[in-house]
Structure formats: structure tokens, C-alpha cells
C-alpha atoms as a PDB file:
ATOM      1  CA  MET A   1      41.918  18.289  -3.434  1.00  0.00           C
ATOM      2  CA  PRO A   2      42.658  17.623  -7.132  1.00  0.00           C
ATOM      3  CA  VAL A   3      44.541  14.518  -8.225  1.00  0.00           C
ATOM      4  CA  VAL A   4      47.923  15.360  -9.746  1.00  0.00           C
ATOM      5  CA  PRO A   5      49.524  12.840 -12.133  1.00  0.00           C
ATOM      6  CA  VAL A   6      53.299  12.053 -12.109  1.00  0.00           C
ATOM      7  CA  LEU A   7      55.549  14.128 -14.420  1.00  0.00           C
ATOM      8  CA  HIS A   8      58.930  13.235 -15.897  1.00  0.00           C
ATOM      9  CA  ALA A   9      61.209  15.365 -18.084  1.00  0.00           C
ATOM     10  CA  ASP A  10      61.256  12.548 -20.618  1.00  0.00           C
ATOM     11  CA  PRO A  11      58.191  10.801 -22.084  1.00  0.00           C
ATOM     12  CA  PRO A  12      57.028   7.550 -20.444  1.00  0.00           C
ATOM     13  CA  ALA A  13      59.138   4.524 -21.317  1.00  0.00           C
ATOM     14  CA  VAL A  14      57.894   2.015 -23.839  1.00  0.00           C
ATOM     15  CA  ARG A  15      58.455  -1.546 -22.668  1.00  0.00           C
ATOM     16  CA  GLY A  16      57.781  -4.622 -24.742  1.00  0.00           C
ATOM     17  CA  GLY A  17      56.109  -2.489 -27.428  1.00  0.00           C
ATOM     18  CA  ALA A  18      53.338  -1.320 -25.111  1.00  0.00           C
ATOM     19  CA  ARG A  19      53.151   1.937 -23.222  1.00  0.00           C
ATOM     20  CA  ARG A  20      53.089   1.712 -19.479  1.00  0.00           C
ATOM     21  CA  ARG A  21      49.734   2.560 -18.022  1.00  0.00           C
ATOM     22  CA  ARG A  22      49.602   6.059 -16.568  1.00  0.00           C
ATOM     23  CA  THR A  23      48.018   6.264 -13.190  1.00  0.00           C
ATOM     24  CA  ALA A  24      47.065   9.308 -11.192  1.00  0.00           C
ATOM     25  CA  ALA A  25      49.201  10.062  -8.173  1.00  0.00           C
ATOM     26  CA  ARG A  26      47.954  11.028  -4.775  1.00  0.00           C
ATOM     27  CA  PRO A  27      48.150  14.717  -3.834  1.00  0.00           C
ATOM     28  CA  GLY A  28      51.641  15.828  -2.900  1.00  0.00           C
ATOM     29  CA  ARG A  29      53.353  13.312  -5.197  1.00  0.00           C
ATOM     30  CA  ALA A  30      55.251  14.182  -8.349  1.00  0.00           C
ATOM     31  CA  VAL A  31      53.497  14.676 -11.692  1.00  0.00           C
ATOM     32  CA  ARG A  32      54.146  13.053 -15.077  1.00  0.00           C
ATOM     33  CA  TYR A  33      55.639  14.742 -18.101  1.00  0.00           C
ATOM     34  CA  ALA A  34      52.187  14.701 -19.727  1.00  0.00           C
ATOM     35  CA  ARG A  35      51.021  17.267 -17.185  1.00  0.00           C
ATOM     36  CA  VAL A  36      53.787  19.688 -18.175  1.00  0.00           C
ATOM     37  CA  ARG A  37      53.100  19.082 -21.852  1.00  0.00           C
ATOM     38  CA  ARG A  38      49.996  21.226 -21.462  1.00  0.00           C
ATOM     39  CA  PHE A  39      52.455  24.113 -21.602  1.00  0.00           C
ATOM     40  CA  GLY A  40      53.650  22.885 -25.017  1.00  0.00           C
ATOM     41  CA  LEU A  41      57.229  22.392 -23.842  1.00  0.00           C
ATOM     42  CA  PRO A  42      59.520  19.678 -25.146  1.00  0.00           C
ATOM     43  CA  ALA A  43      61.651  17.849 -22.583  1.00  0.00           C
ATOM     44  CA  HIS A  44      64.870  19.535 -23.759  1.00  0.00           C
ATOM     45  CA  VAL A  45      63.484  22.933 -22.702  1.00  0.00           C
ATOM     46  CA  LEU A  46      62.892  21.654 -19.184  1.00  0.00           C
ATOM     47  CA  ARG A  47      66.430  20.231 -19.113  1.00  0.00           C
ATOM     48  CA  HIS A  48      67.820  23.590 -20.306  1.00  0.00           C
ATOM     49  CA  TRP A  49      65.916  25.415 -17.572  1.00  0.00           C
ATOM     50  CA  GLU A  50      67.270  22.884 -15.100  1.00  0.00           C
ATOM     51  CA  ALA A  51      70.827  23.558 -16.307  1.00  0.00           C
ATOM     52  CA  MET A  52      70.208  27.306 -15.868  1.00  0.00           C
ATOM     53  CA  GLY A  53      69.055  26.775 -12.283  1.00  0.00           C
ATOM     54  CA  LEU A  54      65.404  27.655 -12.938  1.00  0.00           C
ATOM     55  CA  LEU A  55      64.086  24.182 -12.074  1.00  0.00           C
ATOM     56  CA  SER A  56      65.445  21.567  -9.697  1.00  0.00           C
ATOM     57  CA  PRO A  57      63.489  18.362 -10.154  1.00  0.00           C
ATOM     58  CA  THR A  58      64.205  15.229  -8.170  1.00  0.00           C
ATOM     59  CA  ARG A  59      66.251  12.738 -10.172  1.00  0.00           C
ATOM     60  CA  VAL A  60      64.662   9.314 -10.245  1.00  0.00           C
ATOM     61  CA  ARG A  61      67.239   7.765 -12.574  1.00  0.00           C
ATOM     62  CA  ALA A  62      69.904   9.374 -14.710  1.00  0.00           C
ATOM     63  CA  ASP A  63      67.439  10.064 -17.533  1.00  0.00           C
ATOM     64  CA  ARG A  64      64.268  10.659 -15.486  1.00  0.00           C
ATOM     65  CA  ARG A  65      63.171  13.593 -13.399  1.00  0.00           C
ATOM     66  CA  ARG A  66      60.171  14.127 -11.155  1.00  0.00           C
ATOM     67  CA  TYR A  67      58.417  17.438 -10.955  1.00  0.00           C
ATOM     68  CA  ASP A  68      56.088  18.320  -8.113  1.00  0.00           C
ATOM     69  CA  ARG A  69      53.227  20.793  -8.098  1.00  0.00           C
ATOM     70  CA  ASP A  70      55.561  23.684  -7.185  1.00  0.00           C
ATOM     71  CA  HIS A  71      57.539  22.970 -10.353  1.00  0.00           C
ATOM     72  CA  LEU A  72      54.347  23.325 -12.406  1.00  0.00           C
ATOM     73  CA  TYR A  73      53.793  26.746 -10.871  1.00  0.00           C
ATOM     74  CA  ARG A  74      57.399  27.672 -11.554  1.00  0.00           C
ATOM     75  CA  VAL A  75      57.042  26.599 -15.210  1.00  0.00           C
ATOM     76  CA  ALA A  76      53.948  28.815 -15.463  1.00  0.00           C
ATOM     77  CA  VAL A  77      55.848  31.744 -13.910  1.00  0.00           C
ATOM     78  CA  ILE A  78      58.784  31.253 -16.308  1.00  0.00           C
ATOM     79  CA  LEU A  79      56.477  31.192 -19.328  1.00  0.00           C
ATOM     80  CA  ARG A  80      54.582  34.316 -18.232  1.00  0.00           C
ATOM     81  CA  ALA A  81      57.839  36.129 -17.468  1.00  0.00           C
ATOM     82  CA  LYS A  82      59.186  35.239 -20.914  1.00  0.00           C
ATOM     83  CA  GLU A  83      55.985  36.603 -22.475  1.00  0.00           C
ATOM     84  CA  ALA A  84      56.620  39.843 -20.579  1.00  0.00           C
ATOM     85  CA  GLY A  85      60.109  40.046 -22.077  1.00  0.00           C
ATOM     86  CA  PHE A  86      62.206  38.717 -19.198  1.00  0.00           C
ATOM     87  CA  SER A  87      65.379  36.903 -20.173  1.00  0.00           C
ATOM     88  CA  LEU A  88      66.058  33.536 -18.552  1.00  0.00           C
ATOM     89  CA  THR A  89      68.896  35.196 -16.650  1.00  0.00           C
ATOM     90  CA  ASP A  90      66.499  37.846 -15.290  1.00  0.00           C
ATOM     91  CA  ILE A  91      64.005  35.146 -14.352  1.00  0.00           C
ATOM     92  CA  ARG A  92      66.674  33.162 -12.530  1.00  0.00           C
ATOM     93  CA  GLU A  93      67.860  36.291 -10.715  1.00  0.00           C
ATOM     94  CA  MET A  94      64.301  37.181  -9.741  1.00  0.00           C
ATOM     95  CA  ILE A  95      63.416  33.667  -8.539  1.00  0.00           C
ATOM     96  CA  ALA A  96      66.715  32.822  -6.852  1.00  0.00           C
ATOM     97  CA  THR A  97      67.240  35.975  -4.844  1.00  0.00           C
ATOM     98  CA  GLY A  98      66.117  36.142  -1.277  1.00  0.00           C
ATOM     99  CA  ASP A  99      66.625  39.899  -1.322  1.00  0.00           C
ATOM    100  CA  PRO A 100      63.344  41.709  -2.044  1.00  0.00           C
ATOM    101  CA  GLU A 101      65.196  44.830  -3.228  1.00  0.00           C
ATOM    102  CA  ALA A 102      67.208  42.855  -5.805  1.00  0.00           C
ATOM    103  CA  ARG A 103      63.949  41.312  -7.035  1.00  0.00           C
ATOM    104  CA  ARG A 104      62.378  44.776  -7.269  1.00  0.00           C
ATOM    105  CA  ASP A 105      65.344  46.004  -9.337  1.00  0.00           C
ATOM    106  CA  VAL A 106      64.758  43.240 -11.886  1.00  0.00           C
ATOM    107  CA  LEU A 107      61.031  43.954 -11.901  1.00  0.00           C
ATOM    108  CA  ARG A 108      61.543  47.732 -12.271  1.00  0.00           C
ATOM    109  CA  ARG A 109      63.812  47.238 -15.298  1.00  0.00           C
ATOM    110  CA  ARG A 110      61.275  44.980 -16.966  1.00  0.00           C
ATOM    111  CA  HIS A 111      58.372  47.268 -15.986  1.00  0.00           C
ATOM    112  CA  ALA A 112      59.997  50.240 -17.722  1.00  0.00           C
ATOM    113  CA  ASP A 113      60.696  48.201 -20.851  1.00  0.00           C
ATOM    114  CA  LEU A 114      57.210  46.706 -20.939  1.00  0.00           C
ATOM    115  CA  THR A 115      55.612  50.140 -20.438  1.00  0.00           C
ATOM    116  CA  ARG A 116      57.575  51.424 -23.448  1.00  0.00           C
ATOM    117  CA  ARG A 117      56.555  48.419 -25.568  1.00  0.00           C
ATOM    118  CA  VAL A 118      52.874  48.851 -24.637  1.00  0.00           C
ATOM    119  CA  ALA A 119      53.005  52.545 -25.634  1.00  0.00           C
ATOM    120  CA  GLN A 120      54.545  51.585 -28.978  1.00  0.00           C
ATOM    121  CA  ALA A 121      51.891  48.918 -29.536  1.00  0.00           C
ATOM    122  CA  ARG A 122      49.094  51.411 -28.748  1.00  0.00           C
ATOM    123  CA  SER A 123      50.566  53.891 -31.209  1.00  0.00           C
ATOM    124  CA  SER A 124      50.809  51.194 -33.871  1.00  0.00           C
ATOM    125  CA  LEU A 125      47.220  50.157 -33.203  1.00  0.00           C
ATOM    126  CA  HIS A 126      46.073  53.776 -33.585  1.00  0.00           C
ATOM    127  CA  MET A 127      47.930  54.022 -36.891  1.00  0.00           C
ATOM    128  CA  ILE A 128      46.268  50.827 -38.152  1.00  0.00           C
ATOM    129  CA  GLU A 129      42.827  52.069 -37.064  1.00  0.00           C
ATOM    130  CA  CYS A 130      43.455  55.322 -38.901  1.00  0.00           C
ATOM    131  CA  ALA A 131      44.466  53.447 -42.056  1.00  0.00           C
ATOM    132  CA  LEU A 132      41.351  51.252 -41.800  1.00  0.00           C
ATOM    133  CA  ALA A 133      39.168  54.378 -41.711  1.00  0.00           C
ATOM    134  CA  ARG A 134      40.599  55.691 -45.007  1.00  0.00           C
ATOM    135  CA  ASP A 135      39.058  54.836 -48.359  1.00  0.00           C
ATOM    136  CA  HIS A 136      41.922  56.216 -50.449  1.00  0.00           C
ATOM    137  CA  GLU A 137      43.602  53.989 -52.992  1.00  0.00           C
ATOM    138  CA  ASP A 138      46.921  54.792 -51.300  1.00  0.00           C
ATOM    139  CA  PHE A 139      46.217  55.661 -47.658  1.00  0.00           C
ATOM    140  CA  THR A 140      49.868  56.650 -47.096  1.00  0.00           C
ATOM    141  CA  GLY A 141      49.252  59.775 -49.191  1.00  0.00           C
ATOM    142  CA  CYS A 142      46.235  60.807 -47.097  1.00  0.00           C
ATOM    143  CA  ALA A 143      46.897  64.063 -45.187  1.00  0.00           C
ATOM    144  CA  HIS A 144      44.918  62.849 -42.140  1.00  0.00           C
ATOM    145  CA  PHE A 145      46.885  59.586 -42.018  1.00  0.00           C
ATOM    146  CA  GLN A 146      50.177  61.471 -42.382  1.00  0.00           C
ATOM    147  CA  ARG A 147      49.262  63.790 -39.460  1.00  0.00           C
ATOM    148  CA  ASN A 148      48.474  60.773 -37.305  1.00  0.00           C
ATOM    149  CA  LEU A 149      51.732  59.108 -38.323  1.00  0.00           C
ATOM    150  CA  GLU A 150      53.636  62.263 -37.308  1.00  0.00           C
ATOM    151  CA  LYS A 151      51.917  62.143 -33.885  1.00  0.00           C
ATOM    152  CA  VAL A 152      52.929  58.505 -33.486  1.00  0.00           C
ATOM    153  CA  GLU A 153      56.532  59.332 -34.337  1.00  0.00           C
ATOM    154  CA  GLU A 154      56.531  62.212 -31.829  1.00  0.00           C
ATOM    155  CA  THR A 155      55.096  59.936 -29.127  1.00  0.00           C
ATOM    156  CA  THR A 156      57.442  57.008 -29.647  1.00  0.00           C
ATOM    157  CA  GLY A 157      60.530  58.914 -30.743  1.00  0.00           C
ATOM    158  CA  ALA A 158      60.696  56.814 -33.925  1.00  0.00           C
END
């Protein structure tokens, strides 16, 4: 089983001008902030997610929080969901609900939106590939490029 270090929402304290030595925790214990930093998140983002109800770390002191392994997975889920276009409100609704149908509703809405965005991206990619294949000084005046652009507009409704 891998060793998981301890994680706080705030960087390790500096005492007497020297950083405290970081030690690895035994499995099942909390992990340090450094472990979450691999996601590139500043502490204020974690605190915002906590305020929104997305994370619920254990409070060690007023300014310190402990995150366990499940929190790391939740952070990863939040980041992936944001990449897919979910709002934090949608993510909270999806994570917090115990009702599978409510979760599916959130996922269906995002699925439809993401499907539309992927189609638009494919059309844009096709347009770029078409432009790359043209040797004209001004490819926008090329009849072949213009026909492809018209197809893209028909497909996307732009």
C-alpha cells in the first residue's frame, strides 16, 4: 500500500526560521498540502470549494485543515468535471445528491452541452485542416475553402 503524506489547506508553518520536516504518514492518515499542490491549486481554491460544500476536511486548528485520500479523489473529480464544463454548483449537486436520477439529470445536461462543443471543435478542426491544405495567398477567397466553411456553418448552425 502506498505511503500518503499529510495535507493541509495552508502551507506548512515556518517556526524559528526553519521549515518543519515533512514526514510521510501511514496509510489511512491525512495528507499534507504538498500532495494536493500536484493539482496546481492554491489554498484559497480549496477553501472556496470547502465553503461551497464540495470538500469537508477535518479542522485541526482554525487555520489548518486535513485532507484524507478520499479528498484527493474528490479534488481530481472536481477538476475533471470543470474541464468538462460543469459549474461548481452542478458539481456540488452531482456529488451531494443521493438520488441517482437527480445525478443523471445533471450528467445528461452536461453530456448534451459537451457533445455540442465537441461537434463544434471537430468542425473548426476541419476548417483549419482545409486552410492548411491551400496554397493561396488569401485562403479565405478559395472556392474550396468557402464550400467547406459553408458546410461547417450548416453543421453547427453558426
